[in-house]
């Protein structure tokens, strides 16, 4: 999403430059601002997603280890 917003913002900037020229810096800046906002939002979402992925993945690995241990104990008990 961040990359898509960046591309759209840059396209807006180029369209403004084509229509009004590079001298109207305020209008060109709007598209660049949109691009930067989208990039920042995309990075923030990626960082939060990575954090939650790491937490959930760690819990899953812990549960898998515990489950393997419990299954090992059950197997040992069945063999007796």
PDB file of N, CA and C in Angstrom:
ATOM      1  N   UNK A   1       0.824  -1.199   0.000  1.00  0.00           N
ATOM      2  CA  UNK A   1       0.000   0.000   0.000  1.00  0.00           C
ATOM      3  C   UNK A   1       0.863   1.255   0.000  1.00  0.00           C
ATOM      4  N   UNK A   2       1.952   1.211   0.722  1.00  0.00           N
ATOM      5  CA  UNK A   2       2.846   2.364   0.760  1.00  0.00           C
ATOM      6  C   UNK A   2       3.452   2.644  -0.596  1.00  0.00           C
ATOM      7  N   UNK A   3       3.857   1.588  -1.275  1.00  0.00           N
ATOM      8  CA  UNK A   3       4.447   1.747  -2.603  1.00  0.00           C
ATOM      9  C   UNK A   3       3.414   2.262  -3.597  1.00  0.00           C
ATOM     10  N   UNK A   4       2.196   1.751  -3.536  1.00  0.00           N
ATOM     11  CA  UNK A   4       1.134   2.216  -4.426  1.00  0.00           C
ATOM     12  C   UNK A   4       0.856   3.700  -4.201  1.00  0.00           C
ATOM     13  N   UNK A   5       0.765   4.112  -2.958  1.00  0.00           N
ATOM     14  CA  UNK A   5       0.549   5.532  -2.657  1.00  0.00           C
ATOM     15  C   UNK A   5       1.698   6.400  -3.127  1.00  0.00           C
ATOM     16  N   UNK A   6       2.904   5.872  -3.013  1.00  0.00           N
ATOM     17  CA  UNK A   6       4.079   6.611  -3.477  1.00  0.00           C
ATOM     18  C   UNK A   6       4.012   6.833  -4.977  1.00  0.00           C
ATOM     19  N   UNK A   7       3.694   5.780  -5.697  1.00  0.00           N
ATOM     20  CA  UNK A   7       3.598   5.890  -7.155  1.00  0.00           C
ATOM     21  C   UNK A   7       2.495   6.870  -7.548  1.00  0.00           C
ATOM     22  N   UNK A   8       1.354   6.787  -6.889  1.00  0.00           N
ATOM     23  CA  UNK A   8       0.249   7.708  -7.194  1.00  0.00           C
ATOM     24  C   UNK A   8       0.652   9.149  -6.902  1.00  0.00           C
ATOM     25  N   UNK A   9       1.324   9.375  -5.774  1.00  0.00           N
ATOM     26  CA  UNK A   9       1.774  10.733  -5.439  1.00  0.00           C
ATOM     27  C   UNK A   9       2.759  11.282  -6.448  1.00  0.00           C
ATOM     28  N   UNK A  10       3.692  10.456  -6.889  1.00  0.00           N
ATOM     29  CA  UNK A  10       4.665  10.903  -7.889  1.00  0.00           C
ATOM     30  C   UNK A  10       3.977  11.187  -9.219  1.00  0.00           C
ATOM     31  N   UNK A  11       3.020  10.350  -9.588  1.00  0.00           N
ATOM     32  CA  UNK A  11       2.262  10.595 -10.822  1.00  0.00           C
ATOM     33  C   UNK A  11       1.529  11.928 -10.733  1.00  0.00           C
ATOM     34  N   UNK A  12       0.923  12.199  -9.577  1.00  0.00           N
ATOM     35  CA  UNK A  12       0.237  13.489  -9.382  1.00  0.00           C
ATOM     36  C   UNK A  12       1.215  14.653  -9.567  1.00  0.00           C
ATOM     37  N   UNK A  13       2.412  14.503  -9.016  1.00  0.00           N
ATOM     38  CA  UNK A  13       3.416  15.565  -9.138  1.00  0.00           C
ATOM     39  C   UNK A  13       3.797  15.799 -10.591  1.00  0.00           C
ATOM     40  N   UNK A  14       4.026  14.718 -11.341  1.00  0.00           N
ATOM     41  CA  UNK A  14       4.392  14.864 -12.753  1.00  0.00           C
ATOM     42  C   UNK A  14       3.257  15.449 -13.580  1.00  0.00           C
ATOM     43  N   UNK A  15       2.031  15.062 -13.268  1.00  0.00           N
ATOM     44  CA  UNK A  15       0.888  15.630 -13.988  1.00  0.00           C
ATOM     45  C   UNK A  15       0.767  17.126 -13.712  1.00  0.00           C
ATOM     46  N   UNK A  16       0.979  17.520 -12.472  1.00  0.00           N
ATOM     47  CA  UNK A  16       0.925  18.937 -12.113  1.00  0.00           C
ATOM     48  C   UNK A  16       2.031  19.711 -12.821  1.00  0.00           C
ATOM     49  N   UNK A  17       3.235  19.128 -12.860  1.00  0.00           N
ATOM     50  CA  UNK A  17       4.338  19.793 -13.556  1.00  0.00           C
ATOM     51  C   UNK A  17       4.047  19.927 -15.040  1.00  0.00           C
ATOM     52  N   UNK A  18       3.401  18.923 -15.620  1.00  0.00           N
ATOM     53  CA  UNK A  18       3.075  18.980 -17.045  1.00  0.00           C
ATOM     54  C   UNK A  18       2.021  20.046 -17.321  1.00  0.00           C
ATOM     55  N   UNK A  19       1.071  20.210 -16.418  1.00  0.00           N
ATOM     56  CA  UNK A  19      -0.007  21.171 -16.627  1.00  0.00           C
ATOM     57  C   UNK A  19       0.386  22.598 -16.255  1.00  0.00           C
ATOM     58  N   UNK A  20       1.022  22.763 -15.112  1.00  0.00           N
ATOM     59  CA  UNK A  20       1.274  24.102 -14.588  1.00  0.00           C
ATOM     60  C   UNK A  20       2.733  24.516 -14.642  1.00  0.00           C
ATOM     61  N   UNK A  21       3.599  23.588 -14.989  1.00  0.00           N
ATOM     62  CA  UNK A  21       5.020  23.894 -15.019  1.00  0.00           C
ATOM     63  C   UNK A  21       5.654  23.700 -13.658  1.00  0.00           C
ATOM     64  N   UNK A  22       6.946  23.685 -13.663  1.00  0.00           N
ATOM     65  CA  UNK A  22       7.696  23.430 -12.432  1.00  0.00           C
ATOM     66  C   UNK A  22       7.725  24.664 -11.518  1.00  0.00           C
ATOM     67  N   UNK A  23       7.295  25.800 -12.034  1.00  0.00           N
ATOM     68  CA  UNK A  23       7.338  27.033 -11.232  1.00  0.00           C
ATOM     69  C   UNK A  23       6.297  27.039 -10.113  1.00  0.00           C
ATOM     70  N   UNK A  24       5.229  26.234 -10.254  1.00  0.00           N
ATOM     71  CA  UNK A  24       4.198  26.179  -9.216  1.00  0.00           C
ATOM     72  C   UNK A  24       4.561  25.086  -8.213  1.00  0.00           C
ATOM     73  N   UNK A  25       5.523  25.407  -7.370  1.00  0.00           N
ATOM     74  CA  UNK A  25       6.081  24.421  -6.449  1.00  0.00           C
ATOM     75  C   UNK A  25       5.068  23.963  -5.397  1.00  0.00           C
ATOM     76  N   UNK A  26       4.121  24.806  -5.035  1.00  0.00           N
ATOM     77  CA  UNK A  26       3.118  24.429  -4.028  1.00  0.00           C
ATOM     78  C   UNK A  26       2.258  23.271  -4.533  1.00  0.00           C
ATOM     79  N   UNK A  27       1.877  23.318  -5.783  1.00  0.00           N
ATOM     80  CA  UNK A  27       1.054  22.244  -6.353  1.00  0.00           C
ATOM     81  C   UNK A  27       1.858  20.963  -6.531  1.00  0.00           C
ATOM     82  N   UNK A  28       3.113  21.102  -6.955  1.00  0.00           N
ATOM     83  CA  UNK A  28       3.974  19.929  -7.130  1.00  0.00           C
ATOM     84  C   UNK A  28       4.235  19.268  -5.776  1.00  0.00           C
ATOM     85  N   UNK A  29       4.373  20.068  -4.746  1.00  0.00           N
ATOM     86  CA  UNK A  29       4.657  19.555  -3.403  1.00  0.00           C
ATOM     87  C   UNK A  29       3.523  18.708  -2.848  1.00  0.00           C
ATOM     88  N   UNK A  30       2.289  18.966  -3.261  1.00  0.00           N
ATOM     89  CA  UNK A  30       1.159  18.174  -2.776  1.00  0.00           C
ATOM     90  C   UNK A  30       1.322  16.704  -3.148  1.00  0.00           C
ATOM     91  N   UNK A  31       1.696  16.453  -4.398  1.00  0.00           N
ATOM     92  CA  UNK A  31       1.893  15.073  -4.834  1.00  0.00           C
ATOM     93  C   UNK A  31       3.055  14.410  -4.124  1.00  0.00           C
ATOM     94  N   UNK A  32       4.119  15.167  -3.920  1.00  0.00           N
ATOM     95  CA  UNK A  32       5.275  14.625  -3.204  1.00  0.00           C
ATOM     96  C   UNK A  32       4.898  14.344  -1.748  1.00  0.00           C
ATOM     97  N   UNK A  33       4.108  15.224  -1.155  1.00  0.00           N
ATOM     98  CA  UNK A  33       3.630  15.002   0.216  1.00  0.00           C
ATOM     99  C   UNK A  33       2.791  13.735   0.319  1.00  0.00           C
ATOM    100  N   UNK A  34       1.914  13.529  -0.662  1.00  0.00           N
ATOM    101  CA  UNK A  34       1.110  12.303  -0.699  1.00  0.00           C
ATOM    102  C   UNK A  34       2.007  11.081  -0.782  1.00  0.00           C
ATOM    103  N   UNK A  35       3.028  11.159  -1.623  1.00  0.00           N
ATOM    104  CA  UNK A  35       3.962  10.043  -1.785  1.00  0.00           C
ATOM    105  C   UNK A  35       4.684   9.738  -0.471  1.00  0.00           C
ATOM    106  N   UNK A  36       5.141  10.769   0.213  1.00  0.00           N
ATOM    107  CA  UNK A  36       5.865  10.563   1.478  1.00  0.00           C
ATOM    108  C   UNK A  36       4.959  10.031   2.582  1.00  0.00           C
ATOM    109  N   UNK A  37       3.730  10.525   2.639  1.00  0.00           N
ATOM    110  CA  UNK A  37       2.786  10.031   3.637  1.00  0.00           C
ATOM    111  C   UNK A  37       2.485   8.553   3.414  1.00  0.00           C
ATOM    112  N   UNK A  38       2.271   8.188   2.163  1.00  0.00           N
ATOM    113  CA  UNK A  38       1.979   6.783   1.846  1.00  0.00           C
ATOM    114  C   UNK A  38       3.166   5.888   2.183  1.00  0.00           C
ATOM    115  N   UNK A  39       4.367   6.362   1.889  1.00  0.00           N
ATOM    116  CA  UNK A  39       5.567   5.587   2.203  1.00  0.00           C
ATOM    117  C   UNK A  39       5.696   5.394   3.712  1.00  0.00           C
ATOM    118  N   UNK A  40       5.506   6.456   4.476  1.00  0.00           N
ATOM    119  CA  UNK A  40       5.605   6.371   5.934  1.00  0.00           C
ATOM    120  C   UNK A  40       4.548   5.426   6.503  1.00  0.00           C
ATOM    121  N   UNK A  41       3.339   5.504   5.984  1.00  0.00           N
ATOM    122  CA  UNK A  41       2.268   4.623   6.454  1.00  0.00           C
ATOM    123  C   UNK A  41       2.596   3.164   6.130  1.00  0.00           C
ATOM    124  N   UNK A  42       3.099   2.919   4.935  1.00  0.00           N
ATOM    125  CA  UNK A  42       3.482   1.556   4.554  1.00  0.00           C
ATOM    126  C   UNK A  42       4.574   1.003   5.445  1.00  0.00           C
ATOM    127  N   UNK A  43       5.560   1.817   5.766  1.00  0.00           N
ATOM    128  CA  UNK A  43       6.650   1.382   6.650  1.00  0.00           C
ATOM    129  C   UNK A  43       6.118   1.098   8.053  1.00  0.00           C
ATOM    130  N   UNK A  44       5.245   1.961   8.553  1.00  0.00           N
ATOM    131  CA  UNK A  44       4.669   1.755   9.887  1.00  0.00           C
ATOM    132  C   UNK A  44       3.869   0.456   9.945  1.00  0.00           C
ATOM    133  N   UNK A  45       3.069   0.206   8.922  1.00  0.00           N
ATOM    134  CA  UNK A  45       2.282  -1.028   8.874  1.00  0.00           C
ATOM    135  C   UNK A  45       3.198  -2.244   8.812  1.00  0.00           C
ATOM    136  N   UNK A  46       4.264  -2.149   8.026  1.00  0.00           N
ATOM    137  CA  UNK A  46       5.209  -3.266   7.910  1.00  0.00           C
ATOM    138  C   UNK A  46       5.888  -3.557   9.245  1.00  0.00           C
ATOM    139  N   UNK A  47       6.283  -2.525   9.958  1.00  0.00           N
ATOM    140  CA  UNK A  47       6.953  -2.714  11.250  1.00  0.00           C
ATOM    141  C   UNK A  47       5.995  -3.340  12.265  1.00  0.00           C
ATOM    142  N   UNK A  48       4.767  -2.847  12.332  1.00  0.00           N
ATOM    143  CA  UNK A  48       3.782  -3.422  13.256  1.00  0.00           C
ATOM    144  C   UNK A  48       3.469  -4.867  12.887  1.00  0.00           C
ATOM    145  N   UNK A  49       3.331  -5.138  11.610  1.00  0.00           N
ATOM    146  CA  UNK A  49       3.044  -6.502  11.165  1.00  0.00           C
ATOM    147  C   UNK A  49       4.186  -7.442  11.521  1.00  0.00           C
ATOM    148  N   UNK A  50       5.414  -6.986  11.336  1.00  0.00           N
ATOM    149  CA  UNK A  50       6.575  -7.805  11.670  1.00  0.00           C
ATOM    150  C   UNK A  50       6.626  -8.083  13.172  1.00  0.00           C
ATOM    151  N   UNK A  51       6.298  -7.087  13.976  1.00  0.00           N
ATOM    152  CA  UNK A  51       6.273  -7.267  15.430  1.00  0.00           C
ATOM    153  C   UNK A  51       5.256  -8.334  15.824  1.00  0.00           C
ATOM    154  N   UNK A  52       4.026  -8.204  15.317  1.00  0.00           N
ATOM    155  CA  UNK A  52       2.993  -9.171  15.668  1.00  0.00           C
ATOM    156  C   UNK A  52       3.322 -10.559  15.119  1.00  0.00           C
ATOM    157  N   UNK A  53       3.889 -10.637  13.939  1.00  0.00           N
ATOM    158  CA  UNK A  53       4.301 -11.920  13.377  1.00  0.00           C
ATOM    159  C   UNK A  53       5.327 -12.588  14.281  1.00  0.00           C
ATOM    160  N   UNK A  54       6.298 -11.809  14.743  1.00  0.00           N
ATOM    161  CA  UNK A  54       7.340 -12.356  15.604  1.00  0.00           C
ATOM    162  C   UNK A  54       6.758 -12.874  16.916  1.00  0.00           C
ATOM    163  N   UNK A  55       5.859 -12.122  17.510  1.00  0.00           N
ATOM    164  CA  UNK A  55       5.237 -12.537  18.775  1.00  0.00           C
ATOM    165  C   UNK A  55       4.421 -13.814  18.576  1.00  0.00           C
ATOM    166  N   UNK A  56       3.584 -13.824  17.555  1.00  0.00           N
ATOM    167  CA  UNK A  56       2.730 -14.990  17.312  1.00  0.00           C
ATOM    168  C   UNK A  56       3.581 -16.206  16.945  1.00  0.00           C
ATOM    169  N   UNK A  57       4.579 -16.010  16.104  1.00  0.00           N
ATOM    170  CA  UNK A  57       5.448 -17.112  15.695  1.00  0.00           C
ATOM    171  C   UNK A  57       6.196 -17.696  16.895  1.00  0.00           C
ATOM    172  N   UNK A  58       6.641 -16.841  17.789  1.00  0.00           N
ATOM    173  CA  UNK A  58       7.330 -17.296  18.988  1.00  0.00           C
ATOM    174  C   UNK A  58       6.401 -18.133  19.867  1.00  0.00           C
ATOM    175  N   UNK A  59       5.169 -17.695  20.030  1.00  0.00           N
ATOM    176  CA  UNK A  59       4.201 -18.445  20.834  1.00  0.00           C
ATOM    177  C   UNK A  59       3.878 -19.790  20.192  1.00  0.00           C
ATOM    178  N   UNK A  60       3.751 -19.800  18.883  1.00  0.00           N
ATOM    179  CA  UNK A  60       3.468 -21.055  18.174  1.00  0.00           C
ATOM    180  C   UNK A  60       4.627 -22.025  18.350  1.00  0.00           C
ATOM    181  N   UNK A  61       5.848 -21.540  18.213  1.00  0.00           N
ATOM    182  CA  UNK A  61       7.006 -22.409  18.396  1.00  0.00           C
ATOM    183  C   UNK A  61       7.073 -22.949  19.821  1.00  0.00           C
ATOM    184  N   UNK A  62       6.749 -22.132  20.799  1.00  0.00           N
ATOM    185  CA  UNK A  62       6.713 -22.586  22.183  1.00  0.00           C
ATOM    186  C   UNK A  62       5.668 -23.669  22.389  1.00  0.00           C
ATOM    187  N   UNK A  63       4.497 -23.484  21.793  1.00  0.00           N
ATOM    188  CA  UNK A  63       3.438 -24.483  21.909  1.00  0.00           C
ATOM    189  C   UNK A  63       3.819 -25.779  21.195  1.00  0.00           C
ATOM    190  N   UNK A  64       4.479 -25.661  20.055  1.00  0.00           N
ATOM    191  CA  UNK A  64       4.929 -26.862  19.338  1.00  0.00           C
ATOM    192  C   UNK A  64       5.932 -27.650  20.172  1.00  0.00           C
ATOM    193  N   UNK A  65       6.854 -26.948  20.799  1.00  0.00           N
ATOM    194  CA  UNK A  65       7.843 -27.609  21.653  1.00  0.00           C
ATOM    195  C   UNK A  65       7.161 -28.307  22.824  1.00  0.00           C
ATOM    196  N   UNK A  66       6.226 -27.617  23.451  1.00  0.00           N
ATOM    197  CA  UNK A  66       5.496 -28.199  24.574  1.00  0.00           C
ATOM    198  C   UNK A  66       4.686 -29.412  24.128  1.00  0.00           C
ATOM    199  N   UNK A  67       4.052 -29.317  22.974  1.00  0.00           N
ATOM    200  CA  UNK A  67       3.254 -30.424  22.454  1.00  0.00           C
ATOM    201  C   UNK A  67       4.129 -31.636  22.148  1.00  0.00           C
ATOM    202  N   UNK A  68       5.287 -31.413  21.548  1.00  0.00           N
ATOM    203  CA  UNK A  68       6.213 -32.514  21.266  1.00  0.00           C
ATOM    204  C   UNK A  68       6.664 -33.189  22.556  1.00  0.00           C
ATOM    205  N   UNK A  69       6.938 -32.396  23.563  1.00  0.00           N
ATOM    206  CA  UNK A  69       7.358 -32.934  24.857  1.00  0.00           C
ATOM    207  C   UNK A  69       6.250 -33.785  25.467  1.00  0.00           C
ATOM    208  N   UNK A  70       5.027 -33.281  25.434  1.00  0.00           N
ATOM    209  CA  UNK A  70       3.889 -34.017  25.986  1.00  0.00           C
ATOM    210  C   UNK A  70       3.644 -35.303  25.204  1.00  0.00           C
ATOM    211  N   UNK A  71       3.738 -35.230  23.890  1.00  0.00           N
ATOM    212  CA  UNK A  71       3.546 -36.429  23.070  1.00  0.00           C
ATOM    213  C   UNK A  71       4.630 -37.455  23.341  1.00  0.00           C
ATOM    214  N   UNK A  72       5.833 -36.991  23.572  1.00  0.00           N
ATOM    215  CA  UNK A  72       6.936 -37.888  23.908  1.00  0.00           C
ATOM    216  C   UNK A  72       6.659 -38.612  25.223  1.00  0.00           C
ATOM    217  N   UNK A  73       6.146 -37.887  26.208  1.00  0.00           N
ATOM    218  CA  UNK A  73       5.798 -38.506  27.489  1.00  0.00           C
ATOM    219  C   UNK A  73       4.678 -39.530  27.327  1.00  0.00           C
ATOM    220  N   UNK A  74       3.703 -39.229  26.498  1.00  0.00           N
ATOM    221  CA  UNK A  74       2.593 -40.157  26.252  1.00  0.00           C
ATOM    222  C   UNK A  74       3.114 -41.422  25.574  1.00  0.00           C
ATOM    223  N   UNK A  75       3.990 -41.266  24.606  1.00  0.00           N
ATOM    224  CA  UNK A  75       4.563 -42.420  23.908  1.00  0.00           C
ATOM    225  C   UNK A  75       5.361 -43.305  24.867  1.00  0.00           C
ATOM    226  N   UNK A  76       6.128 -42.688  25.726  1.00  0.00           N
ATOM    227  CA  UNK A  76       6.906 -43.449  26.715  1.00  0.00           C
ATOM    228  C   UNK A  76       5.979 -44.207  27.664  1.00  0.00           C
ATOM    229  N   UNK A  77       4.889 -43.574  28.067  1.00  0.00           N
ATOM    230  CA  UNK A  77       3.932 -44.205  28.971  1.00  0.00           C
ATOM    231  C   UNK A  77       3.229 -45.372  28.284  1.00  0.00           C
ATOM    232  N   UNK A  78       2.970 -45.248  27.002  1.00  0.00           N
ATOM    233  CA  UNK A  78       2.279 -46.322  26.269  1.00  0.00           C
ATOM    234  C   UNK A  78       3.187 -47.529  26.083  1.00  0.00           C
ATOM    235  N   UNK A  79       4.492 -47.279  25.984  1.00  0.00           N
ATOM    236  CA  UNK A  79       5.444 -48.373  25.756  1.00  0.00           C
ATOM    237  C   UNK A  79       5.668 -49.210  27.013  1.00  0.00           C
ATOM    238  N   UNK A  80       5.328 -48.706  28.136  1.00  0.00           N
ATOM    239  CA  UNK A  80       5.531 -49.442  29.406  1.00  0.00           C
ATOM    240  C   UNK A  80       4.519 -50.462  29.608  1.00  0.00           C
TER     241      UNK A  80
END
